[in-house]
């Protein structure tokens, strides 16, 4: 008898999806390093982007429509597409009806959203990104303003977030800066994909690979917990509705913008000149972009893998498709 997959390990499909993210960051970053036009274009470390008039690509401009209308409003797109899917897809219940699956899906969205807020917006004060930056030696650099007599140097300590620092003309310098763009794009797209994977499985008639720990400690297939004998034909649906396609579309665009972020934003040019050694550049890249990736994966693990191991937690927030 084949041993069951441990609950904390991703399925074959999940493994493939998780591998897409570091591969995307690596490919985009190598492009930014090797492309002559990107290397030659002046880079503004303060805004973490190329100058608009000399940008090597439309996507290298912060003003590009995809960045302004999609990335900057990323969580709104993620939220709207998700609830469109959650309240219309037959696998979660009758059209627009409030069901247990939809309540649990809303709880999962709430937890992922809370993680996004904690990391990027607020964590009992400054967000985790800002707290981590300061704890690793970062601060608001107001040297230029101080030299001009506009502000006192000791005022720098008052600006505990990157947004507040830049708002007064300072520069958020030093420390370890988690890439908020990478974090948002990875967390949002993986959240959406985890929620629609059950539709993909069912449409392909694939075997359920997820396993869960039961109350008695036994490890069983997640298929058992869904009580398949009680499911209606609609709830077993693997139908690719317009809502399913919308979710996958938002997730796919997020991955593409992740590629653009890796290629043109948050590059090693922020800290070193492009003529420095490639090994140093790769290390700096790892510190910046891959930390955002890991922090995003941390949130996904809590919401989608931890419930597989803790029955009491699973009874509250459920699992997609179960």
C-alpha atoms as a PDB file:
ATOM      1  CA  UNK A   1       0.000   0.000   0.000  1.00  0.00           C
ATOM      2  CA  UNK A   2       1.388   3.414  -0.993  1.00  0.00           C
ATOM      3  CA  UNK A   3       2.070   5.693   1.985  1.00  0.00           C
ATOM      4  CA  UNK A   4      -0.117   8.792   2.119  1.00  0.00           C
ATOM      5  CA  UNK A   5       1.396  12.195   1.425  1.00  0.00           C
ATOM      6  CA  UNK A   6       2.029  14.115   4.709  1.00  0.00           C
ATOM      7  CA  UNK A   7      -0.607  16.866   5.210  1.00  0.00           C
ATOM      8  CA  UNK A   8       2.015  19.607   5.410  1.00  0.00           C
ATOM      9  CA  UNK A   9       3.403  18.846   1.943  1.00  0.00           C
ATOM     10  CA  UNK A  10       1.928  20.488  -1.174  1.00  0.00           C
ATOM     11  CA  UNK A  11       0.225  18.380  -3.821  1.00  0.00           C
ATOM     12  CA  UNK A  12       1.787  17.852  -7.242  1.00  0.00           C
ATOM     13  CA  UNK A  13      -0.175  20.767  -8.698  1.00  0.00           C
ATOM     14  CA  UNK A  14       0.561  22.996  -5.709  1.00  0.00           C
ATOM     15  CA  UNK A  15       4.255  22.182  -5.985  1.00  0.00           C
ATOM     16  CA  UNK A  16       4.227  23.270  -9.612  1.00  0.00           C
ATOM     17  CA  UNK A  17       2.448  26.520  -8.764  1.00  0.00           C
ATOM     18  CA  UNK A  18       4.750  27.293  -5.844  1.00  0.00           C
ATOM     19  CA  UNK A  19       7.781  26.712  -8.083  1.00  0.00           C
ATOM     20  CA  UNK A  20       6.507  29.291 -10.581  1.00  0.00           C
ATOM     21  CA  UNK A  21       7.186  32.172  -8.184  1.00  0.00           C
ATOM     22  CA  UNK A  22      10.923  31.776  -7.485  1.00  0.00           C
ATOM     23  CA  UNK A  23      11.402  30.859 -11.152  1.00  0.00           C
ATOM     24  CA  UNK A  24       9.605  34.060 -12.204  1.00  0.00           C
ATOM     25  CA  UNK A  25      11.740  36.181  -9.876  1.00  0.00           C
ATOM     26  CA  UNK A  26      14.929  34.533 -11.084  1.00  0.00           C
ATOM     27  CA  UNK A  27      14.077  34.882 -14.789  1.00  0.00           C
ATOM     28  CA  UNK A  28      13.009  38.509 -14.404  1.00  0.00           C
ATOM     29  CA  UNK A  29      16.072  39.390 -12.368  1.00  0.00           C
ATOM     30  CA  UNK A  30      18.459  37.727 -14.796  1.00  0.00           C
ATOM     31  CA  UNK A  31      16.797  39.633 -17.619  1.00  0.00           C
ATOM     32  CA  UNK A  32      17.334  42.889 -15.735  1.00  0.00           C
ATOM     33  CA  UNK A  33      20.967  41.978 -15.191  1.00  0.00           C
ATOM     34  CA  UNK A  34      21.747  40.772 -18.709  1.00  0.00           C
ATOM     35  CA  UNK A  35      19.607  43.021 -20.913  1.00  0.00           C
ATOM     36  CA  UNK A  36      21.885  45.834 -22.219  1.00  0.00           C
ATOM     37  CA  UNK A  37      19.039  48.368 -22.425  1.00  0.00           C
ATOM     38  CA  UNK A  38      17.979  47.762 -18.834  1.00  0.00           C
ATOM     39  CA  UNK A  39      21.559  47.877 -17.549  1.00  0.00           C
ATOM     40  CA  UNK A  40      22.251  51.145 -19.371  1.00  0.00           C
ATOM     41  CA  UNK A  41      19.044  52.921 -18.267  1.00  0.00           C
ATOM     42  CA  UNK A  42      19.470  55.294 -15.272  1.00  0.00           C
ATOM     43  CA  UNK A  43      17.875  53.974 -12.090  1.00  0.00           C
ATOM     44  CA  UNK A  44      16.257  56.064  -9.333  1.00  0.00           C
ATOM     45  CA  UNK A  45      17.024  54.319  -6.042  1.00  0.00           C
ATOM     46  CA  UNK A  46      14.741  56.668  -4.093  1.00  0.00           C
ATOM     47  CA  UNK A  47      11.627  55.667  -6.074  1.00  0.00           C
ATOM     48  CA  UNK A  48      12.957  52.146  -6.724  1.00  0.00           C
ATOM     49  CA  UNK A  49      12.295  52.455 -10.441  1.00  0.00           C
ATOM     50  CA  UNK A  50      13.760  53.707 -13.703  1.00  0.00           C
ATOM     51  CA  UNK A  51      13.284  57.333 -14.703  1.00  0.00           C
ATOM     52  CA  UNK A  52      10.176  57.668 -16.888  1.00  0.00           C
ATOM     53  CA  UNK A  53      11.902  59.457 -19.782  1.00  0.00           C
ATOM     54  CA  UNK A  54      14.720  56.892 -20.048  1.00  0.00           C
ATOM     55  CA  UNK A  55      12.893  53.722 -18.963  1.00  0.00           C
ATOM     56  CA  UNK A  56      13.941  50.665 -21.029  1.00  0.00           C
ATOM     57  CA  UNK A  57      10.330  49.474 -21.333  1.00  0.00           C
ATOM     58  CA  UNK A  58       6.775  50.702 -20.865  1.00  0.00           C
ATOM     59  CA  UNK A  59       6.525  48.284 -17.940  1.00  0.00           C
ATOM     60  CA  UNK A  60       9.594  49.869 -16.343  1.00  0.00           C
ATOM     61  CA  UNK A  61       7.642  53.088 -15.777  1.00  0.00           C
ATOM     62  CA  UNK A  62       5.750  53.445 -12.511  1.00  0.00           C
ATOM     63  CA  UNK A  63       3.079  55.291 -14.484  1.00  0.00           C
ATOM     64  CA  UNK A  64       2.239  52.294 -16.715  1.00  0.00           C
ATOM     65  CA  UNK A  65      -1.475  51.516 -16.585  1.00  0.00           C
ATOM     66  CA  UNK A  66      -0.981  47.975 -15.325  1.00  0.00           C
ATOM     67  CA  UNK A  67       0.945  49.288 -12.321  1.00  0.00           C
ATOM     68  CA  UNK A  68      -1.417  52.200 -11.627  1.00  0.00           C
ATOM     69  CA  UNK A  69      -4.737  50.448 -12.194  1.00  0.00           C
ATOM     70  CA  UNK A  70      -3.861  46.874 -11.223  1.00  0.00           C
ATOM     71  CA  UNK A  71      -0.849  46.524  -8.900  1.00  0.00           C
ATOM     72  CA  UNK A  72      -1.566  49.670  -6.865  1.00  0.00           C
ATOM     73  CA  UNK A  73      -5.138  48.479  -6.371  1.00  0.00           C
ATOM     74  CA  UNK A  74      -4.163  44.833  -6.257  1.00  0.00           C
ATOM     75  CA  UNK A  75      -6.084  43.740  -3.185  1.00  0.00           C
ATOM     76  CA  UNK A  76      -9.308  45.232  -4.543  1.00  0.00           C
ATOM     77  CA  UNK A  77      -8.971  43.178  -7.759  1.00  0.00           C
ATOM     78  CA  UNK A  78      -8.171  40.065  -5.745  1.00  0.00           C
ATOM     79  CA  UNK A  79     -11.137  40.599  -3.419  1.00  0.00           C
ATOM     80  CA  UNK A  80     -13.711  41.336  -6.137  1.00  0.00           C
ATOM     81  CA  UNK A  81     -12.678  38.405  -8.337  1.00  0.00           C
ATOM     82  CA  UNK A  82     -12.632  36.027  -5.365  1.00  0.00           C
ATOM     83  CA  UNK A  83     -16.100  36.893  -4.057  1.00  0.00           C
ATOM     84  CA  UNK A  84     -17.453  36.768  -7.608  1.00  0.00           C
ATOM     85  CA  UNK A  85     -16.214  33.174  -7.728  1.00  0.00           C
ATOM     86  CA  UNK A  86     -17.186  32.275  -4.145  1.00  0.00           C
ATOM     87  CA  UNK A  87     -20.817  33.373  -4.410  1.00  0.00           C
ATOM     88  CA  UNK A  88     -21.549  32.218  -7.966  1.00  0.00           C
ATOM     89  CA  UNK A  89     -19.694  28.956  -8.545  1.00  0.00           C
ATOM     90  CA  UNK A  90     -21.978  25.908  -8.087  1.00  0.00           C
ATOM     91  CA  UNK A  91     -19.304  24.030  -6.089  1.00  0.00           C
ATOM     92  CA  UNK A  92     -19.841  26.421  -3.161  1.00  0.00           C
ATOM     93  CA  UNK A  93     -23.645  26.285  -3.204  1.00  0.00           C
ATOM     94  CA  UNK A  94     -26.708  27.692  -4.968  1.00  0.00           C
ATOM     95  CA  UNK A  95     -26.263  31.047  -6.733  1.00  0.00           C
ATOM     96  CA  UNK A  96     -25.686  33.891  -4.187  1.00  0.00           C
ATOM     97  CA  UNK A  97     -26.991  31.796  -1.298  1.00  0.00           C
ATOM     98  CA  UNK A  98     -25.082  32.069   1.996  1.00  0.00           C
ATOM     99  CA  UNK A  99     -23.765  28.568   2.675  1.00  0.00           C
ATOM    100  CA  UNK A 100     -21.286  27.087   5.143  1.00  0.00           C
ATOM    101  CA  UNK A 101     -18.686  26.815   2.381  1.00  0.00           C
ATOM    102  CA  UNK A 102     -19.084  30.498   1.578  1.00  0.00           C
ATOM    103  CA  UNK A 103     -18.847  31.530   5.214  1.00  0.00           C
ATOM    104  CA  UNK A 104     -15.646  29.523   5.584  1.00  0.00           C
ATOM    105  CA  UNK A 105     -14.314  30.941   2.315  1.00  0.00           C
ATOM    106  CA  UNK A 106     -14.957  34.434   3.669  1.00  0.00           C
ATOM    107  CA  UNK A 107     -13.035  33.518   6.829  1.00  0.00           C
ATOM    108  CA  UNK A 108     -10.061  32.349   4.739  1.00  0.00           C
ATOM    109  CA  UNK A 109     -10.152  35.615   2.768  1.00  0.00           C
ATOM    110  CA  UNK A 110     -10.272  37.511   6.083  1.00  0.00           C
ATOM    111  CA  UNK A 111      -7.178  35.736   7.394  1.00  0.00           C
ATOM    112  CA  UNK A 112      -5.216  36.316   4.189  1.00  0.00           C
ATOM    113  CA  UNK A 113      -6.338  39.956   4.155  1.00  0.00           C
ATOM    114  CA  UNK A 114      -5.307  40.343   7.794  1.00  0.00           C
ATOM    115  CA  UNK A 115      -1.848  39.005   6.912  1.00  0.00           C
ATOM    116  CA  UNK A 116      -1.638  41.539   4.047  1.00  0.00           C
ATOM    117  CA  UNK A 117      -2.606  44.341   6.472  1.00  0.00           C
ATOM    118  CA  UNK A 118      -0.097  43.224   9.107  1.00  0.00           C
ATOM    119  CA  UNK A 119       2.770  43.014   6.630  1.00  0.00           C
ATOM    120  CA  UNK A 120       2.126  46.121   4.535  1.00  0.00           C
ATOM    121  CA  UNK A 121      -0.253  48.466   6.360  1.00  0.00           C
ATOM    122  CA  UNK A 122      -0.378  48.177  10.155  1.00  0.00           C
ATOM    123  CA  UNK A 123       0.844  45.833  12.858  1.00  0.00           C
ATOM    124  CA  UNK A 124      -0.148  47.429  16.170  1.00  0.00           C
ATOM    125  CA  UNK A 125       1.719  50.463  14.880  1.00  0.00           C
ATOM    126  CA  UNK A 126       4.120  50.334  11.909  1.00  0.00           C
ATOM    127  CA  UNK A 127       3.640  47.426   9.509  1.00  0.00           C
ATOM    128  CA  UNK A 128       5.892  44.349   9.669  1.00  0.00           C
ATOM    129  CA  UNK A 129       7.804  45.592   6.603  1.00  0.00           C
ATOM    130  CA  UNK A 130       8.647  48.887   8.366  1.00  0.00           C
ATOM    131  CA  UNK A 131       9.401  47.217  11.703  1.00  0.00           C
ATOM    132  CA  UNK A 132      11.741  44.731  10.014  1.00  0.00           C
ATOM    133  CA  UNK A 133      13.465  47.520   8.116  1.00  0.00           C
ATOM    134  CA  UNK A 134      14.158  49.472  11.297  1.00  0.00           C
ATOM    135  CA  UNK A 135      15.212  46.421  13.305  1.00  0.00           C
ATOM    136  CA  UNK A 136      17.868  45.678  10.667  1.00  0.00           C
ATOM    137  CA  UNK A 137      19.324  49.176  10.850  1.00  0.00           C
ATOM    138  CA  UNK A 138      17.160  51.117   8.423  1.00  0.00           C
ATOM    139  CA  UNK A 139      16.116  54.690   9.063  1.00  0.00           C
ATOM    140  CA  UNK A 140      14.721  57.815   7.459  1.00  0.00           C
ATOM    141  CA  UNK A 141      17.617  59.717   5.916  1.00  0.00           C
ATOM    142  CA  UNK A 142      16.978  63.480   5.990  1.00  0.00           C
ATOM    143  CA  UNK A 143      20.528  64.649   5.342  1.00  0.00           C
ATOM    144  CA  UNK A 144      19.629  66.756   2.319  1.00  0.00           C
ATOM    145  CA  UNK A 145      16.760  68.477   4.120  1.00  0.00           C
ATOM    146  CA  UNK A 146      18.864  69.016   7.240  1.00  0.00           C
ATOM    147  CA  UNK A 147      21.678  70.601   5.226  1.00  0.00           C
ATOM    148  CA  UNK A 148      19.153  72.962   3.697  1.00  0.00           C
ATOM    149  CA  UNK A 149      17.922  73.908   7.182  1.00  0.00           C
ATOM    150  CA  UNK A 150      14.427  72.595   6.487  1.00  0.00           C
ATOM    151  CA  UNK A 151      14.363  69.985   9.230  1.00  0.00           C
ATOM    152  CA  UNK A 152      16.332  68.860  12.290  1.00  0.00           C
ATOM    153  CA  UNK A 153      18.336  65.650  11.960  1.00  0.00           C
ATOM    154  CA  UNK A 154      16.870  64.162  15.141  1.00  0.00           C
ATOM    155  CA  UNK A 155      13.441  64.427  13.527  1.00  0.00           C
ATOM    156  CA  UNK A 156      14.300  61.354  11.480  1.00  0.00           C
ATOM    157  CA  UNK A 157      13.347  59.111  14.372  1.00  0.00           C
ATOM    158  CA  UNK A 158       9.770  60.407  14.203  1.00  0.00           C
ATOM    159  CA  UNK A 159       9.228  58.844  10.795  1.00  0.00           C
ATOM    160  CA  UNK A 160       8.716  55.185  11.540  1.00  0.00           C
ATOM    161  CA  UNK A 161       7.285  54.178   8.166  1.00  0.00           C
ATOM    162  CA  UNK A 162       8.616  54.437   4.652  1.00  0.00           C
ATOM    163  CA  UNK A 163       5.482  56.311   3.546  1.00  0.00           C
ATOM    164  CA  UNK A 164       5.863  58.966   6.254  1.00  0.00           C
ATOM    165  CA  UNK A 165       9.571  59.352   5.511  1.00  0.00           C
ATOM    166  CA  UNK A 166       9.081  59.859   1.770  1.00  0.00           C
ATOM    167  CA  UNK A 167       6.140  62.211   2.397  1.00  0.00           C
ATOM    168  CA  UNK A 168       8.494  64.762   3.994  1.00  0.00           C
ATOM    169  CA  UNK A 169      11.159  64.357   1.318  1.00  0.00           C
ATOM    170  CA  UNK A 170      13.379  61.868   3.127  1.00  0.00           C
ATOM    171  CA  UNK A 171      14.844  58.585   1.878  1.00  0.00           C
ATOM    172  CA  UNK A 172      14.213  55.199   3.460  1.00  0.00           C
ATOM    173  CA  UNK A 173      17.801  53.946   3.588  1.00  0.00           C
ATOM    174  CA  UNK A 174      19.777  51.055   5.036  1.00  0.00           C
ATOM    175  CA  UNK A 175      18.277  47.975   6.631  1.00  0.00           C
ATOM    176  CA  UNK A 176      16.554  45.036   4.989  1.00  0.00           C
ATOM    177  CA  UNK A 177      13.606  46.146   2.864  1.00  0.00           C
ATOM    178  CA  UNK A 178      11.046  43.419   2.130  1.00  0.00           C
ATOM    179  CA  UNK A 179       9.566  43.955  -1.328  1.00  0.00           C
ATOM    180  CA  UNK A 180       5.933  44.885  -0.766  1.00  0.00           C
ATOM    181  CA  UNK A 181       5.154  44.452  -4.485  1.00  0.00           C
ATOM    182  CA  UNK A 182       6.506  40.899  -4.496  1.00  0.00           C
ATOM    183  CA  UNK A 183       4.646  40.088  -1.290  1.00  0.00           C
ATOM    184  CA  UNK A 184       1.319  41.416  -2.608  1.00  0.00           C
ATOM    185  CA  UNK A 185       1.516  39.767  -6.015  1.00  0.00           C
ATOM    186  CA  UNK A 186       2.560  36.369  -4.635  1.00  0.00           C
ATOM    187  CA  UNK A 187       0.127  36.316  -1.708  1.00  0.00           C
ATOM    188  CA  UNK A 188      -2.847  37.472  -3.782  1.00  0.00           C
ATOM    189  CA  UNK A 189      -2.314  35.201  -6.769  1.00  0.00           C
ATOM    190  CA  UNK A 190      -1.533  32.091  -4.691  1.00  0.00           C
ATOM    191  CA  UNK A 191      -4.605  32.748  -2.541  1.00  0.00           C
ATOM    192  CA  UNK A 192      -6.809  32.841  -5.642  1.00  0.00           C
ATOM    193  CA  UNK A 193      -5.208  29.753  -7.158  1.00  0.00           C
ATOM    194  CA  UNK A 194      -5.586  27.740  -3.946  1.00  0.00           C
ATOM    195  CA  UNK A 195      -9.287  28.588  -3.939  1.00  0.00           C
ATOM    196  CA  UNK A 196      -9.946  27.413  -7.511  1.00  0.00           C
ATOM    197  CA  UNK A 197      -7.685  24.346  -7.557  1.00  0.00           C
ATOM    198  CA  UNK A 198     -10.583  22.108  -6.546  1.00  0.00           C
ATOM    199  CA  UNK A 199     -12.408  23.168  -9.723  1.00  0.00           C
ATOM    200  CA  UNK A 200      -9.325  22.281 -11.770  1.00  0.00           C
ATOM    201  CA  UNK A 201      -9.035  18.901 -10.049  1.00  0.00           C
ATOM    202  CA  UNK A 202     -12.664  18.044 -10.610  1.00  0.00           C
ATOM    203  CA  UNK A 203     -12.759  19.199 -14.228  1.00  0.00           C
ATOM    204  CA  UNK A 204      -9.712  17.001 -14.911  1.00  0.00           C
ATOM    205  CA  UNK A 205     -11.186  14.180 -12.782  1.00  0.00           C
ATOM    206  CA  UNK A 206      -7.873  14.052 -10.931  1.00  0.00           C
ATOM    207  CA  UNK A 207      -7.296  12.135  -7.715  1.00  0.00           C
ATOM    208  CA  UNK A 208      -7.461  14.174  -4.502  1.00  0.00           C
ATOM    209  CA  UNK A 209      -3.868  14.331  -3.215  1.00  0.00           C
ATOM    210  CA  UNK A 210      -4.471  16.486  -0.148  1.00  0.00           C
ATOM    211  CA  UNK A 211      -4.448  14.641   3.158  1.00  0.00           C
ATOM    212  CA  UNK A 212      -5.694  15.743   6.569  1.00  0.00           C
ATOM    213  CA  UNK A 213      -5.137  14.733  10.165  1.00  0.00           C
ATOM    214  CA  UNK A 214      -8.391  13.472  11.690  1.00  0.00           C
ATOM    215  CA  UNK A 215      -9.498  13.960  15.290  1.00  0.00           C
ATOM    216  CA  UNK A 216      -8.168  10.519  16.199  1.00  0.00           C
ATOM    217  CA  UNK A 217      -4.753  11.311  14.678  1.00  0.00           C
ATOM    218  CA  UNK A 218      -5.270   9.214  11.549  1.00  0.00           C
ATOM    219  CA  UNK A 219      -4.151  10.664   8.218  1.00  0.00           C
ATOM    220  CA  UNK A 220      -6.780  10.386   5.513  1.00  0.00           C
ATOM    221  CA  UNK A 221      -7.570  11.848   2.118  1.00  0.00           C
ATOM    222  CA  UNK A 222      -9.286  15.247   2.209  1.00  0.00           C
ATOM    223  CA  UNK A 223     -11.864  13.652  -0.084  1.00  0.00           C
ATOM    224  CA  UNK A 224     -13.236  11.764   2.943  1.00  0.00           C
ATOM    225  CA  UNK A 225     -13.961  14.968   4.862  1.00  0.00           C
ATOM    226  CA  UNK A 226     -15.973  16.392   2.001  1.00  0.00           C
ATOM    227  CA  UNK A 227     -18.542  13.622   2.555  1.00  0.00           C
ATOM    228  CA  UNK A 228     -18.886  12.976  -1.200  1.00  0.00           C
ATOM    229  CA  UNK A 229     -22.038  10.907  -0.720  1.00  0.00           C
ATOM    230  CA  UNK A 230     -23.819  14.056   0.519  1.00  0.00           C
ATOM    231  CA  UNK A 231     -22.673  16.353  -2.281  1.00  0.00           C
ATOM    232  CA  UNK A 232     -25.064  17.387  -5.026  1.00  0.00           C
ATOM    233  CA  UNK A 233     -24.023  17.191  -8.671  1.00  0.00           C
ATOM    234  CA  UNK A 234     -23.630  20.997  -8.655  1.00  0.00           C
ATOM    235  CA  UNK A 235     -21.361  20.886  -5.592  1.00  0.00           C
ATOM    236  CA  UNK A 236     -19.146  18.337  -7.364  1.00  0.00           C
ATOM    237  CA  UNK A 237     -18.911  20.724 -10.300  1.00  0.00           C
ATOM    238  CA  UNK A 238     -15.638  21.307 -12.043  1.00  0.00           C
ATOM    239  CA  UNK A 239     -17.333  23.808 -14.335  1.00  0.00           C
ATOM    240  CA  UNK A 240     -15.105  26.590 -15.661  1.00  0.00           C
ATOM    241  CA  UNK A 241     -17.538  29.449 -15.145  1.00  0.00           C
ATOM    242  CA  UNK A 242     -16.786  33.055 -16.070  1.00  0.00           C
ATOM    243  CA  UNK A 243     -15.983  33.641 -12.378  1.00  0.00           C
ATOM    244  CA  UNK A 244     -13.410  30.831 -12.424  1.00  0.00           C
ATOM    245  CA  UNK A 245     -11.801  32.336 -15.509  1.00  0.00           C
ATOM    246  CA  UNK A 246     -11.838  35.805 -13.907  1.00  0.00           C
ATOM    247  CA  UNK A 247      -9.985  34.498 -10.839  1.00  0.00           C
ATOM    248  CA  UNK A 248      -7.381  32.713 -12.962  1.00  0.00           C
ATOM    249  CA  UNK A 249      -7.061  35.833 -15.122  1.00  0.00           C
ATOM    250  CA  UNK A 250      -6.333  38.078 -12.109  1.00  0.00           C
ATOM    251  CA  UNK A 251      -3.861  35.512 -10.743  1.00  0.00           C
ATOM    252  CA  UNK A 252      -2.111  35.206 -14.129  1.00  0.00           C
ATOM    253  CA  UNK A 253      -1.807  38.976 -14.507  1.00  0.00           C
ATOM    254  CA  UNK A 254      -0.348  39.112 -10.987  1.00  0.00           C
ATOM    255  CA  UNK A 255       2.341  36.600 -11.964  1.00  0.00           C
ATOM    256  CA  UNK A 256       3.122  38.599 -15.113  1.00  0.00           C
ATOM    257  CA  UNK A 257       3.459  41.817 -13.097  1.00  0.00           C
ATOM    258  CA  UNK A 258       5.697  39.892 -10.695  1.00  0.00           C
ATOM    259  CA  UNK A 259       7.949  39.204 -13.684  1.00  0.00           C
ATOM    260  CA  UNK A 260       7.962  42.920 -14.560  1.00  0.00           C
ATOM    261  CA  UNK A 261       8.726  43.795 -10.934  1.00  0.00           C
ATOM    262  CA  UNK A 262      11.693  41.431 -10.919  1.00  0.00           C
ATOM    263  CA  UNK A 263      12.989  42.791 -14.214  1.00  0.00           C
ATOM    264  CA  UNK A 264      12.563  46.529 -13.664  1.00  0.00           C
ATOM    265  CA  UNK A 265      11.810  47.354 -10.001  1.00  0.00           C
ATOM    266  CA  UNK A 266      13.523  46.632  -6.681  1.00  0.00           C
ATOM    267  CA  UNK A 267      16.726  45.683  -8.430  1.00  0.00           C
ATOM    268  CA  UNK A 268      20.288  45.501  -7.124  1.00  0.00           C
ATOM    269  CA  UNK A 269      20.877  48.958  -8.627  1.00  0.00           C
ATOM    270  CA  UNK A 270      19.327  50.297  -5.423  1.00  0.00           C
ATOM    271  CA  UNK A 271      22.479  49.416  -3.489  1.00  0.00           C
ATOM    272  CA  UNK A 272      25.318  48.779  -5.889  1.00  0.00           C
ATOM    273  CA  UNK A 273      26.419  49.900  -9.319  1.00  0.00           C
ATOM    274  CA  UNK A 274      25.752  47.468 -12.161  1.00  0.00           C
ATOM    275  CA  UNK A 275      29.482  47.056 -12.728  1.00  0.00           C
ATOM    276  CA  UNK A 276      29.885  45.284  -9.377  1.00  0.00           C
ATOM    277  CA  UNK A 277      30.156  41.519  -9.212  1.00  0.00           C
ATOM    278  CA  UNK A 278      27.194  39.406 -10.242  1.00  0.00           C
ATOM    279  CA  UNK A 279      27.472  37.298  -7.089  1.00  0.00           C
ATOM    280  CA  UNK A 280      27.016  40.380  -4.893  1.00  0.00           C
ATOM    281  CA  UNK A 281      24.048  41.431  -7.022  1.00  0.00           C
ATOM    282  CA  UNK A 282      22.387  38.025  -6.722  1.00  0.00           C
ATOM    283  CA  UNK A 283      22.827  38.088  -2.929  1.00  0.00           C
ATOM    284  CA  UNK A 284      21.199  41.520  -2.724  1.00  0.00           C
ATOM    285  CA  UNK A 285      18.400  40.338  -4.970  1.00  0.00           C
ATOM    286  CA  UNK A 286      17.836  37.331  -2.710  1.00  0.00           C
ATOM    287  CA  UNK A 287      17.626  39.578   0.342  1.00  0.00           C
ATOM    288  CA  UNK A 288      15.071  41.914  -1.206  1.00  0.00           C
ATOM    289  CA  UNK A 289      12.740  39.974  -3.466  1.00  0.00           C
ATOM    290  CA  UNK A 290      12.898  36.475  -2.029  1.00  0.00           C
ATOM    291  CA  UNK A 291      12.114  37.739   1.461  1.00  0.00           C
ATOM    292  CA  UNK A 292       8.839  39.112   0.101  1.00  0.00           C
ATOM    293  CA  UNK A 293       8.241  35.714  -1.482  1.00  0.00           C
ATOM    294  CA  UNK A 294       8.872  33.822   1.773  1.00  0.00           C
ATOM    295  CA  UNK A 295       6.687  36.159   3.847  1.00  0.00           C
ATOM    296  CA  UNK A 296       3.849  35.629   1.357  1.00  0.00           C
ATOM    297  CA  UNK A 297       4.333  31.845   1.475  1.00  0.00           C
ATOM    298  CA  UNK A 298       4.123  32.078   5.275  1.00  0.00           C
ATOM    299  CA  UNK A 299       0.585  33.447   5.050  1.00  0.00           C
ATOM    300  CA  UNK A 300      -0.417  30.779   2.524  1.00  0.00           C
ATOM    301  CA  UNK A 301       0.941  28.041   4.815  1.00  0.00           C
ATOM    302  CA  UNK A 302      -1.128  29.296   7.768  1.00  0.00           C
ATOM    303  CA  UNK A 303      -4.396  29.407   5.823  1.00  0.00           C
ATOM    304  CA  UNK A 304      -4.068  26.422   3.467  1.00  0.00           C
ATOM    305  CA  UNK A 305      -1.661  23.925   5.036  1.00  0.00           C
ATOM    306  CA  UNK A 306      -2.041  24.374   8.800  1.00  0.00           C
ATOM    307  CA  UNK A 307      -5.750  23.410   8.735  1.00  0.00           C
ATOM    308  CA  UNK A 308      -4.798  20.092   7.148  1.00  0.00           C
ATOM    309  CA  UNK A 309      -2.825  19.275  10.319  1.00  0.00           C
ATOM    310  CA  UNK A 310      -5.138  20.801  12.948  1.00  0.00           C
ATOM    311  CA  UNK A 311      -8.728  19.462  12.876  1.00  0.00           C
ATOM    312  CA  UNK A 312     -10.087  22.172  15.209  1.00  0.00           C
ATOM    313  CA  UNK A 313      -8.703  24.932  12.986  1.00  0.00           C
ATOM    314  CA  UNK A 314     -10.030  23.165   9.881  1.00  0.00           C
ATOM    315  CA  UNK A 315     -13.509  22.957  11.420  1.00  0.00           C
ATOM    316  CA  UNK A 316     -13.584  26.767  11.569  1.00  0.00           C
ATOM    317  CA  UNK A 317     -12.102  27.946   8.256  1.00  0.00           C
ATOM    318  CA  UNK A 318     -12.498  24.765   6.226  1.00  0.00           C
ATOM    319  CA  UNK A 319     -10.589  23.911   3.057  1.00  0.00           C
ATOM    320  CA  UNK A 320     -11.400  24.865  -0.543  1.00  0.00           C
ATOM    321  CA  UNK A 321     -13.592  22.197  -2.123  1.00  0.00           C
ATOM    322  CA  UNK A 322     -14.285  20.483   1.223  1.00  0.00           C
END
